[in-house]
Amino acid sequence: MKRFAIITVGFLLLLPASVLGQSRSRTTKRSTSPKTTAPAADTAAIATRNEAANKVANQIKNLSAFLYLLGGVAKGIEQIDIASKNDASSPVVKQNEQNKIKLQSTFTDFRVGLDALEIYFRSTPGLQSYYLKLAGSASGAADAEALAKQGQFDRAGRTLLGVVNRLTDVLVIMP
């Protein structure tokens, strides 16, 4: 009996582990019929959504880069304003005013871009359902633009952060 047990154990050790691991039978059937492709309408809808998603992503990238730089620029403008309260004719003050105008212009550009994005979503078939989530982005940019024109660049930047959040929400719901 011991001899039988030793032979059985030896035999089991010689069996490959893969034989023991295969517990299900292979009944997979190979299909010879050609796969069906998506209809042209679905392909067009997917292309439209991809294009729209790329436009939203570009706005997010541009706004994020701008907001990253805005913090330092706004702080510098504020410091120059404080330091030059008594000397309004210095070249540094004049350069600071030009920087403010350029910064305000950038806020305007973002508002215009977001207006165009909202119009695109509202007027493009297949994107109207996403427009509901996007609506208000241009309004937020307009609020930021108004704050920038008042010289409140920090608050304007915070308002644009809300716009970035809205755009991100739109991108998340797009398949």
Protein backbone atom coordinates (compact mmCIF):
# COMPACT_ATOMS: atom_id res chain seq x y z
CA MET A 1 0.00 0.00 0.00
CA LYS A 2 2.88 2.34 0.78
CA ARG A 3 4.36 1.58 -2.56
CA PHE A 4 1.09 2.54 -4.30
CA ALA A 5 0.93 5.85 -2.41
CA ILE A 6 4.53 6.70 -3.32
CA ILE A 7 3.92 5.96 -7.01
CA THR A 8 0.70 8.04 -6.99
CA VAL A 9 2.42 11.00 -5.35
CA GLY A 10 5.32 10.74 -7.79
CA PHE A 11 2.93 10.59 -10.74
CA LEU A 12 1.05 13.66 -9.49
CA LEU A 13 4.31 15.55 -9.18
CA LEU A 14 5.19 14.73 -12.77
CA LEU A 15 1.89 16.01 -14.16
CA PRO A 16 2.12 19.56 -15.50
CA ALA A 17 0.32 22.16 -13.43
CA SER A 18 -1.50 23.44 -16.49
CA VAL A 19 -3.35 20.14 -16.91
CA LEU A 20 -4.69 20.41 -13.38
CA GLY A 21 -5.54 24.08 -13.83
CA GLN A 22 -7.79 23.52 -16.83
CA SER A 23 -11.14 22.79 -15.29
CA ARG A 24 -13.53 23.98 -18.00
CA SER A 25 -14.04 22.54 -21.39
CA ARG A 26 -13.27 24.61 -24.45
CA THR A 27 -16.51 25.15 -26.29
CA THR A 28 -15.76 28.52 -27.80
CA LYS A 29 -17.18 28.80 -31.28
CA ARG A 30 -15.39 30.83 -33.88
CA SER A 31 -17.63 33.09 -35.87
CA THR A 32 -17.14 33.19 -39.61
CA SER A 33 -19.68 35.94 -40.25
CA PRO A 34 -18.25 39.41 -40.89
CA LYS A 35 -18.53 41.93 -38.07
CA THR A 36 -21.05 44.68 -38.57
CA THR A 37 -19.82 48.25 -38.59
CA ALA A 38 -21.50 51.18 -36.95
CA PRO A 39 -23.93 53.09 -39.15
CA ALA A 40 -22.66 56.31 -40.70
CA ALA A 41 -24.97 58.37 -38.48
CA ASP A 42 -23.34 56.95 -35.34
CA THR A 43 -19.90 57.62 -36.73
CA ALA A 44 -20.83 61.22 -37.49
CA ALA A 45 -22.28 61.68 -33.99
CA ILE A 46 -19.12 60.27 -32.42
CA ALA A 47 -16.97 62.56 -34.56
CA THR A 48 -19.09 65.58 -33.54
CA ARG A 49 -18.79 64.69 -29.84
CA ASN A 50 -15.04 64.17 -30.18
CA GLU A 51 -14.64 67.54 -31.88
CA ALA A 52 -16.74 69.22 -29.17
CA ALA A 53 -14.78 67.47 -26.42
CA ASN A 54 -11.54 68.70 -28.00
CA LYS A 55 -12.87 72.27 -28.04
CA VAL A 56 -13.81 72.04 -24.36
CA ALA A 57 -10.44 70.49 -23.51
CA ASN A 58 -8.63 73.30 -25.34
CA GLN A 59 -10.55 75.91 -23.36
CA ILE A 60 -9.66 74.10 -20.12
CA LYS A 61 -5.99 73.99 -21.10
CA ASN A 62 -5.90 77.66 -22.05
CA LEU A 63 -7.74 78.78 -18.93
CA SER A 64 -5.58 76.61 -16.67
CA ALA A 65 -2.35 77.97 -18.13
CA PHE A 66 -3.66 81.52 -17.83
CA LEU A 67 -4.80 81.05 -14.24
CA TYR A 68 -1.43 79.54 -13.33
CA LEU A 69 0.32 82.68 -14.57
CA LEU A 70 -2.33 85.12 -13.36
CA GLY A 71 -1.49 84.68 -9.68
CA GLY A 72 2.03 86.03 -10.00
CA VAL A 73 1.09 88.74 -12.47
CA ALA A 74 -1.80 89.98 -10.33
CA LYS A 75 0.38 90.06 -7.23
CA GLY A 76 3.05 92.02 -9.13
CA ILE A 77 0.49 94.54 -10.42
CA GLU A 78 -0.91 94.96 -6.93
CA GLN A 79 2.54 95.53 -5.43
CA ILE A 80 3.42 98.13 -8.05
CA ASP A 81 0.11 99.91 -7.41
CA ILE A 82 0.84 100.04 -3.67
CA ALA A 83 4.47 101.12 -4.12
CA SER A 84 3.69 103.87 -6.62
CA LYS A 85 0.71 105.62 -5.03
CA ASN A 86 2.69 108.86 -4.73
CA ASP A 87 4.52 108.75 -8.06
CA ALA A 88 1.95 108.29 -10.84
CA SER A 89 4.26 109.52 -13.59
CA SER A 90 7.04 106.93 -13.36
CA PRO A 91 7.70 104.60 -16.30
CA VAL A 92 7.03 101.60 -14.06
CA VAL A 93 3.50 102.87 -13.36
CA LYS A 94 2.87 103.43 -17.06
CA GLN A 95 4.09 99.90 -17.85
CA ASN A 96 1.87 98.57 -15.07
CA GLU A 97 -1.15 100.28 -16.62
CA GLN A 98 -0.33 98.73 -19.99
CA ASN A 99 -0.06 95.33 -18.31
CA LYS A 100 -3.48 95.83 -16.76
CA ILE A 101 -4.96 96.63 -20.18
CA LYS A 102 -3.38 93.50 -21.70
CA LEU A 103 -4.68 91.40 -18.83
CA GLN A 104 -8.18 92.84 -19.22
CA SER A 105 -7.99 92.08 -22.93
CA THR A 106 -7.16 88.45 -22.15
CA PHE A 107 -10.26 88.18 -19.95
CA THR A 108 -12.28 89.58 -22.86
CA ASP A 109 -10.77 87.01 -25.22
CA PHE A 110 -11.79 84.18 -22.89
CA ARG A 111 -15.34 85.49 -22.73
CA VAL A 112 -15.54 85.69 -26.52
CA GLY A 113 -14.16 82.16 -26.85
CA LEU A 114 -16.63 80.77 -24.34
CA ASP A 115 -19.51 82.59 -26.07
CA ALA A 116 -18.49 80.90 -29.32
CA LEU A 117 -18.26 77.52 -27.56
CA GLU A 118 -21.75 77.89 -26.11
CA ILE A 119 -23.13 78.85 -29.52
CA TYR A 120 -21.42 75.84 -31.07
CA PHE A 121 -22.97 73.46 -28.52
CA ARG A 122 -26.40 75.07 -28.78
CA SER A 123 -26.49 75.02 -32.59
CA THR A 124 -24.88 71.65 -33.31
CA PRO A 125 -27.22 68.64 -33.50
CA GLY A 126 -26.25 66.02 -30.95
CA LEU A 127 -24.65 68.48 -28.53
CA GLN A 128 -27.74 70.21 -27.14
CA SER A 129 -27.94 67.83 -24.17
CA TYR A 130 -24.41 68.85 -23.17
CA TYR A 131 -25.21 72.53 -23.67
CA LEU A 132 -27.34 72.51 -20.51
CA LYS A 133 -24.25 71.74 -18.44
CA LEU A 134 -22.11 74.20 -20.41
CA ALA A 135 -24.57 77.10 -20.25
CA GLY A 136 -23.31 79.82 -17.94
CA SER A 137 -19.64 79.43 -18.79
CA ALA A 138 -19.63 82.57 -20.92
CA SER A 139 -21.60 84.35 -18.22
CA GLY A 140 -18.95 83.41 -15.67
CA ALA A 141 -16.25 84.67 -18.02
CA ALA A 142 -18.20 87.92 -18.45
CA ASP A 143 -18.31 88.32 -14.65
CA ALA A 144 -14.55 87.73 -14.52
CA GLU A 145 -14.05 90.26 -17.30
CA ALA A 146 -16.03 92.88 -15.36
CA LEU A 147 -13.97 92.23 -12.22
CA ALA A 148 -10.76 92.55 -14.23
CA LYS A 149 -11.89 95.90 -15.63
CA GLN A 150 -12.34 97.03 -12.03
CA GLY A 151 -8.76 95.95 -11.31
CA GLN A 152 -9.83 93.01 -9.14
CA PHE A 153 -7.68 90.42 -10.87
CA ASP A 154 -7.57 87.96 -7.97
CA ARG A 155 -11.37 87.79 -7.75
CA ALA A 156 -11.59 87.61 -11.54
CA GLY A 157 -9.24 84.62 -11.50
CA ARG A 158 -11.33 82.89 -8.86
CA THR A 159 -14.40 83.42 -11.01
CA LEU A 160 -12.60 81.81 -13.94
CA LEU A 161 -11.83 78.81 -11.73
CA GLY A 162 -15.60 78.27 -11.53
CA VAL A 163 -15.73 78.36 -15.33
CA VAL A 164 -12.98 75.72 -15.51
CA ASN A 165 -14.98 73.56 -13.12
CA ARG A 166 -18.08 73.89 -15.32
CA LEU A 167 -16.10 72.99 -18.44
CA THR A 168 -14.60 69.98 -16.69
CA ASP A 169 -18.08 68.82 -15.70
CA VAL A 170 -19.13 69.00 -19.36
CA LEU A 171 -16.10 67.00 -20.43
CA VAL A 172 -16.81 64.32 -17.82
CA ILE A 173 -20.37 63.67 -19.06
CA MET A 174 -19.35 63.45 -22.71
CA PRO A 175 -18.81 59.79 -23.69
